[in-house]
Every structure is written in C-alpha cells, then in structure tokens.
C-alpha cells in the first residue's frame, strides 16, 4: 500500500454554510470590542479581520459547531478558532 497526498478523482472540499439570525449591530458591536482588545494588547497582525472573527465566534457559540469544521471552511487552524472563542468571550463580557 502506498500513501499519497493527492485527492481522489472527482472530489472537492466541502464547505458548510448556515444562516445566522444575527443583526448587523450585534456583529459590529463584537467586532468593535475585538478591535479595541487587539489594539490594547498591541496585536499587529491577524489572519482575518475582526468582523470575520466575530462572525466565526458567534457561529461557534450559536450552533455549537465543531471547531474544525468552521476552521477548515475559513482556511484557519482549529486551534486558532479555539483561541478566538476563548479570548472573545471575556472581551464581550466586560462592561
């Protein structure tokens, strides 16, 4: 048996899409909180902008999706989505 890194013929990566019943105001509010947090910790670079991070975190919290599923569909690692979730919850809970 030989191992190859090639995909089987006629296959394509699957992306799971869902519709989140979120208002633009909710997403913008969380994105603004993230921007403020990233500025406070002097983070210079992120793989995705705060708005997209906010949507991914809200999807994780709302639908309890597997982190790997959301990570793969957004070209980031599972550990990155986990870190975003863990850091965003305390930021959004601040007064």
N, C-alpha and C. Protein backbone atom coordinates (compact mmCIF):
# COMPACT_ATOMS: atom_id res chain seq x y z
N UNK A 1 0.84 -1.17 0.00
CA UNK A 1 0.00 0.00 0.00
C UNK A 1 0.89 1.23 0.00
N UNK A 2 0.56 2.19 -0.84
CA UNK A 2 1.34 3.43 -0.89
C UNK A 2 0.47 4.58 -0.41
N UNK A 3 1.08 5.50 0.25
CA UNK A 3 0.38 6.69 0.72
C UNK A 3 0.65 7.84 -0.25
N UNK A 4 -0.40 8.50 -0.64
CA UNK A 4 -0.25 9.68 -1.48
C UNK A 4 -1.00 10.83 -0.84
N UNK A 5 -0.60 12.02 -1.20
CA UNK A 5 -1.26 13.20 -0.68
C UNK A 5 -2.22 13.80 -1.69
N UNK A 6 -2.47 13.08 -2.74
CA UNK A 6 -3.38 13.55 -3.78
C UNK A 6 -4.81 13.20 -3.41
N UNK A 7 -5.73 14.06 -3.82
CA UNK A 7 -7.14 13.79 -3.59
C UNK A 7 -7.64 12.74 -4.58
N UNK A 8 -8.64 12.02 -4.17
CA UNK A 8 -9.26 11.06 -5.08
C UNK A 8 -9.90 11.83 -6.24
N UNK A 9 -10.05 11.18 -7.35
CA UNK A 9 -10.65 11.84 -8.51
C UNK A 9 -12.08 12.27 -8.22
N UNK A 10 -12.48 13.36 -8.82
CA UNK A 10 -13.84 13.88 -8.73
C UNK A 10 -14.25 14.22 -7.30
N UNK A 11 -13.32 14.66 -6.50
CA UNK A 11 -13.68 15.12 -5.16
C UNK A 11 -13.38 16.60 -5.05
N UNK A 12 -14.10 17.25 -4.20
CA UNK A 12 -13.85 18.66 -3.94
C UNK A 12 -14.08 18.91 -2.46
N UNK A 13 -13.41 19.90 -1.90
CA UNK A 13 -13.62 20.17 -0.48
C UNK A 13 -15.03 20.69 -0.24
N UNK A 14 -15.61 20.26 0.86
CA UNK A 14 -16.95 20.69 1.21
C UNK A 14 -16.87 21.86 2.19
N UNK A 15 -17.75 22.81 2.03
CA UNK A 15 -17.84 23.94 2.94
C UNK A 15 -19.25 23.96 3.49
N UNK A 16 -19.35 23.98 4.81
CA UNK A 16 -20.65 24.02 5.46
C UNK A 16 -21.08 25.47 5.61
N UNK A 17 -22.25 25.78 5.13
CA UNK A 17 -22.76 27.13 5.27
C UNK A 17 -24.07 27.10 6.03
N UNK A 18 -24.27 28.09 6.85
CA UNK A 18 -25.52 28.21 7.57
C UNK A 18 -25.88 29.68 7.64
N UNK A 19 -27.10 29.94 7.91
CA UNK A 19 -27.57 31.31 8.02
C UNK A 19 -27.75 31.61 9.50
N UNK A 20 -27.05 32.63 9.97
CA UNK A 20 -27.14 33.02 11.37
C UNK A 20 -28.13 34.17 11.51
N UNK A 21 -29.10 34.03 12.39
CA UNK A 21 -30.04 35.13 12.61
C UNK A 21 -29.43 36.18 13.54
N UNK A 22 -28.45 36.92 13.04
CA UNK A 22 -27.78 37.94 13.82
C UNK A 22 -27.98 39.30 13.17
N UNK A 23 -28.11 40.30 13.99
CA UNK A 23 -28.24 41.64 13.43
C UNK A 23 -26.84 42.17 13.11
N UNK A 24 -26.80 43.08 12.18
CA UNK A 24 -25.54 43.73 11.83
C UNK A 24 -24.98 44.46 13.05
N UNK A 25 -25.88 45.00 13.85
CA UNK A 25 -25.45 45.71 15.05
C UNK A 25 -24.71 44.79 16.01
N UNK A 26 -25.17 43.56 16.17
CA UNK A 26 -24.51 42.59 17.05
C UNK A 26 -23.11 42.27 16.55
N UNK A 27 -22.99 41.99 15.27
CA UNK A 27 -21.68 41.64 14.69
C UNK A 27 -20.74 42.84 14.78
N UNK A 28 -21.23 44.04 14.45
CA UNK A 28 -20.39 45.23 14.52
C UNK A 28 -19.95 45.53 15.95
N UNK A 29 -20.84 45.33 16.91
CA UNK A 29 -20.50 45.57 18.31
C UNK A 29 -19.38 44.64 18.76
N UNK A 30 -19.50 43.35 18.45
CA UNK A 30 -18.45 42.40 18.82
C UNK A 30 -17.15 42.70 18.08
N UNK A 31 -17.24 43.06 16.81
CA UNK A 31 -16.05 43.40 16.03
C UNK A 31 -15.36 44.63 16.62
N UNK A 32 -16.13 45.62 17.06
CA UNK A 32 -15.55 46.81 17.69
C UNK A 32 -14.85 46.45 19.00
N UNK A 33 -15.48 45.57 19.79
CA UNK A 33 -14.84 45.11 21.03
C UNK A 33 -13.52 44.39 20.74
N UNK A 34 -13.53 43.56 19.69
CA UNK A 34 -12.31 42.85 19.31
C UNK A 34 -11.22 43.82 18.85
N UNK A 35 -11.61 44.81 18.04
CA UNK A 35 -10.63 45.81 17.58
C UNK A 35 -9.99 46.51 18.78
N UNK A 36 -10.82 46.91 19.74
CA UNK A 36 -10.29 47.57 20.94
C UNK A 36 -9.35 46.67 21.73
N UNK A 37 -9.73 45.40 21.85
CA UNK A 37 -8.88 44.44 22.58
C UNK A 37 -7.56 44.23 21.86
N UNK A 38 -7.61 44.06 20.54
CA UNK A 38 -6.39 43.84 19.76
C UNK A 38 -5.48 45.06 19.83
N UNK A 39 -6.08 46.24 19.85
CA UNK A 39 -5.28 47.46 19.97
C UNK A 39 -4.65 47.54 21.37
N UNK A 40 -5.40 47.16 22.39
CA UNK A 40 -4.90 47.21 23.77
C UNK A 40 -3.73 46.25 24.00
N UNK A 41 -3.79 45.09 23.36
CA UNK A 41 -2.69 44.12 23.53
C UNK A 41 -1.61 44.30 22.47
N UNK A 42 -1.79 45.32 21.65
CA UNK A 42 -0.82 45.68 20.60
C UNK A 42 -0.57 44.54 19.61
N UNK A 43 -1.65 43.89 19.24
CA UNK A 43 -1.54 42.82 18.25
C UNK A 43 -1.41 43.47 16.87
N UNK A 44 -0.36 43.11 16.16
CA UNK A 44 -0.09 43.76 14.88
C UNK A 44 -0.71 43.05 13.69
N UNK A 45 -0.99 41.76 13.83
CA UNK A 45 -1.40 41.01 12.66
C UNK A 45 -2.42 39.95 13.03
N UNK A 46 -3.41 39.81 12.21
CA UNK A 46 -4.41 38.75 12.34
C UNK A 46 -4.66 38.17 10.97
N UNK A 47 -4.96 36.87 10.94
CA UNK A 47 -5.19 36.20 9.66
C UNK A 47 -6.51 36.66 9.02
N UNK A 48 -7.47 37.04 9.84
CA UNK A 48 -8.75 37.56 9.36
C UNK A 48 -9.07 38.86 10.09
N UNK A 49 -9.86 39.73 9.46
CA UNK A 49 -10.24 40.97 10.14
C UNK A 49 -11.21 40.69 11.30
N UNK A 50 -11.31 41.62 12.25
CA UNK A 50 -12.17 41.42 13.43
C UNK A 50 -13.63 41.10 13.09
N UNK A 51 -14.16 41.65 12.01
CA UNK A 51 -15.55 41.37 11.64
C UNK A 51 -15.77 39.90 11.31
N UNK A 52 -14.84 39.31 10.58
CA UNK A 52 -14.96 37.89 10.24
C UNK A 52 -14.72 37.00 11.46
N UNK A 53 -13.78 37.42 12.30
CA UNK A 53 -13.55 36.67 13.54
C UNK A 53 -14.81 36.67 14.39
N UNK A 54 -15.48 37.83 14.46
CA UNK A 54 -16.72 37.94 15.24
C UNK A 54 -17.79 36.98 14.71
N UNK A 55 -17.94 36.91 13.40
CA UNK A 55 -18.95 36.02 12.82
C UNK A 55 -18.62 34.56 13.11
N UNK A 56 -17.36 34.18 13.01
CA UNK A 56 -16.96 32.80 13.29
C UNK A 56 -17.22 32.45 14.75
N UNK A 57 -16.84 33.35 15.66
CA UNK A 57 -17.05 33.09 17.08
C UNK A 57 -18.54 32.99 17.39
N UNK A 58 -19.33 33.86 16.82
CA UNK A 58 -20.78 33.80 17.05
C UNK A 58 -21.37 32.52 16.49
N UNK A 59 -20.85 32.05 15.36
CA UNK A 59 -21.33 30.78 14.79
C UNK A 59 -20.98 29.62 15.70
N UNK A 60 -19.78 29.65 16.27
CA UNK A 60 -19.38 28.58 17.19
C UNK A 60 -20.30 28.57 18.40
N UNK A 61 -20.54 29.74 18.96
CA UNK A 61 -21.36 29.82 20.16
C UNK A 61 -22.84 29.52 19.88
N UNK A 62 -23.32 29.95 18.76
CA UNK A 62 -24.74 29.79 18.44
C UNK A 62 -25.10 28.36 18.04
N UNK A 63 -24.29 27.75 17.19
CA UNK A 63 -24.62 26.44 16.63
C UNK A 63 -23.83 25.30 17.24
N UNK A 64 -22.90 25.60 18.12
CA UNK A 64 -22.08 24.57 18.74
C UNK A 64 -21.43 23.68 17.68
N UNK A 65 -20.95 24.32 16.61
CA UNK A 65 -20.28 23.60 15.53
C UNK A 65 -18.93 23.08 16.00
N UNK A 66 -18.48 22.03 15.37
CA UNK A 66 -17.12 21.57 15.63
C UNK A 66 -16.16 22.65 15.13
N UNK A 67 -15.16 22.91 15.92
CA UNK A 67 -14.22 23.97 15.57
C UNK A 67 -13.49 23.67 14.27
N UNK A 68 -13.19 22.40 14.05
CA UNK A 68 -12.50 22.01 12.83
C UNK A 68 -13.32 22.29 11.58
N UNK A 69 -14.63 22.15 11.68
CA UNK A 69 -15.49 22.42 10.53
C UNK A 69 -15.44 23.89 10.14
N UNK A 70 -15.57 24.77 11.12
CA UNK A 70 -15.52 26.20 10.84
C UNK A 70 -14.12 26.64 10.44
N UNK A 71 -13.13 26.03 11.04
CA UNK A 71 -11.75 26.39 10.71
C UNK A 71 -11.43 26.04 9.26
N UNK A 72 -11.78 24.83 8.86
CA UNK A 72 -11.48 24.40 7.50
C UNK A 72 -12.17 25.24 6.45
N UNK A 73 -13.39 25.65 6.71
CA UNK A 73 -14.12 26.48 5.75
C UNK A 73 -13.59 27.89 5.64
N UNK A 74 -12.78 28.30 6.61
CA UNK A 74 -12.25 29.66 6.62
C UNK A 74 -10.72 29.71 6.51
N UNK A 75 -10.12 28.59 6.18
CA UNK A 75 -8.68 28.48 5.96
C UNK A 75 -7.84 28.92 7.16
N UNK A 76 -8.29 28.54 8.34
CA UNK A 76 -7.51 28.76 9.56
C UNK A 76 -7.45 27.44 10.31
N UNK A 77 -6.62 27.37 11.32
CA UNK A 77 -6.50 26.12 12.07
C UNK A 77 -7.57 26.03 13.15
N UNK A 78 -7.80 24.82 13.60
CA UNK A 78 -8.77 24.59 14.66
C UNK A 78 -8.34 25.29 15.95
N UNK A 79 -7.05 25.28 16.23
CA UNK A 79 -6.56 25.94 17.44
C UNK A 79 -6.75 27.45 17.37
N UNK A 80 -6.70 28.02 16.17
CA UNK A 80 -6.94 29.45 16.01
C UNK A 80 -8.38 29.79 16.36
N UNK A 81 -9.34 29.00 15.87
CA UNK A 81 -10.75 29.24 16.18
C UNK A 81 -10.98 29.04 17.68
N UNK A 82 -10.36 28.04 18.27
CA UNK A 82 -10.49 27.82 19.72
C UNK A 82 -9.97 29.03 20.49
N UNK A 83 -8.81 29.55 20.09
CA UNK A 83 -8.23 30.72 20.75
C UNK A 83 -9.14 31.94 20.59
N UNK A 84 -9.69 32.15 19.41
CA UNK A 84 -10.61 33.27 19.19
C UNK A 84 -11.81 33.15 20.12
N UNK A 85 -12.36 31.94 20.22
CA UNK A 85 -13.53 31.74 21.09
C UNK A 85 -13.18 32.02 22.54
N UNK A 86 -12.05 31.51 22.99
CA UNK A 86 -11.65 31.68 24.39
C UNK A 86 -11.33 33.13 24.72
N UNK A 87 -10.80 33.88 23.78
CA UNK A 87 -10.46 35.28 24.05
C UNK A 87 -11.63 36.23 23.83
N UNK A 88 -12.56 35.85 22.98
CA UNK A 88 -13.67 36.75 22.67
C UNK A 88 -14.73 36.75 23.77
N UNK A 89 -14.97 35.64 24.40
CA UNK A 89 -15.99 35.58 25.44
C UNK A 89 -15.70 36.54 26.59
N UNK A 90 -14.49 36.56 27.15
CA UNK A 90 -14.22 37.54 28.22
C UNK A 90 -14.27 38.98 27.74
N UNK A 91 -13.84 39.22 26.49
CA UNK A 91 -13.88 40.59 25.95
C UNK A 91 -15.31 41.07 25.84
N UNK A 92 -16.21 40.20 25.41
CA UNK A 92 -17.61 40.61 25.24
C UNK A 92 -18.35 40.71 26.56
N UNK A 93 -17.80 40.12 27.62
CA UNK A 93 -18.47 40.15 28.92
C UNK A 93 -18.08 41.38 29.74
N UNK A 94 -17.09 42.11 29.29
CA UNK A 94 -16.66 43.33 30.02
C UNK A 94 -17.72 44.41 29.90
N UNK A 95 -17.85 45.22 30.98
CA UNK A 95 -18.84 46.33 30.91
C UNK A 95 -18.38 47.46 30.04
